[in-house]
Protein backbone atom coordinates (compact mmCIF):
# COMPACT_ATOMS: atom_id res chain seq x y z
CA MET A 1 -2.01 -0.21 3.24
CA LEU A 2 0.13 -0.85 0.17
CA GLN A 3 -1.48 -0.53 -3.23
CA GLN A 4 -0.13 -1.50 -6.60
CA GLY A 5 0.21 1.41 -8.94
CA TRP A 6 -1.88 -0.23 -11.73
CA GLY A 7 -4.85 -0.32 -9.37
CA THR A 8 -5.23 3.44 -9.46
CA ALA A 9 -4.75 3.41 -13.22
CA LEU A 10 -7.87 1.32 -13.46
CA GLY A 11 -9.80 3.72 -11.25
CA PHE A 12 -9.80 1.62 -8.06
CA ASP A 13 -9.72 3.93 -5.05
CA ALA A 14 -8.55 1.63 -2.21
CA THR A 15 -8.25 4.49 0.24
CA ALA A 16 -11.94 5.32 0.00
CA LEU A 17 -12.87 1.74 0.41
CA TRP A 18 -10.66 0.92 3.40
CA SER A 19 -10.90 4.20 5.28
CA ALA A 20 -14.42 3.28 6.35
CA TRP A 21 -12.89 0.51 8.54
CA ALA A 22 -9.50 1.87 9.32
CA GLU A 23 -9.48 5.34 10.93
CA ASN A 24 -5.68 5.62 10.98
CA LEU A 25 -5.13 4.29 7.39
CA ARG A 26 -1.76 5.00 5.84
CA HIS A 27 -1.85 4.60 2.11
CA THR A 28 1.34 3.90 0.10
CA LEU A 29 1.28 3.52 -3.66
CA VAL A 30 3.95 1.07 -4.89
CA ALA A 31 5.01 1.08 -8.55
CA SER A 32 4.97 -2.63 -9.22
CA GLY A 33 3.03 -5.24 -11.00
CA ARG A 34 1.53 -8.41 -9.62
CA PHE A 35 3.76 -9.22 -6.67
CA MET A 36 4.93 -6.17 -4.73
CA ALA A 37 7.41 -7.91 -2.42
CA ASP A 38 9.32 -9.34 -5.39
CA GLU A 39 9.19 -6.31 -7.66
CA ALA A 40 9.65 -3.47 -5.05
CA PRO A 41 11.24 -5.13 -1.96
CA ALA A 42 12.77 -1.89 -0.55
CA GLU A 43 9.39 -0.07 -0.58
CA VAL A 44 7.53 -3.05 0.95
CA THR A 45 10.20 -3.49 3.63
CA LYS A 46 10.15 0.25 4.51
CA ALA A 47 6.34 0.22 4.80
CA LEU A 48 6.40 -2.93 7.07
CA ARG A 49 9.15 -1.43 9.26
CA ASP A 50 7.27 1.89 9.56
CA LEU A 51 4.09 -0.02 10.53
CA LEU A 52 5.81 -2.28 13.10
CA GLY A 53 7.80 0.66 14.51
CA SER A 54 4.65 2.63 15.25
CA ALA A 55 2.88 -0.27 17.04
């Protein structure tokens, strides 16, 4: 799961929410604003490659 950094600043704990449904949850915090793929393309690409490589 990718999460924008500002979500944690607002107190949103995405890991706690999603871990109830995803037992193998991998959480990555991305320092970006509204659109992660545009603002942090290298981090998003790495996360996708890691996910697809482990499938």
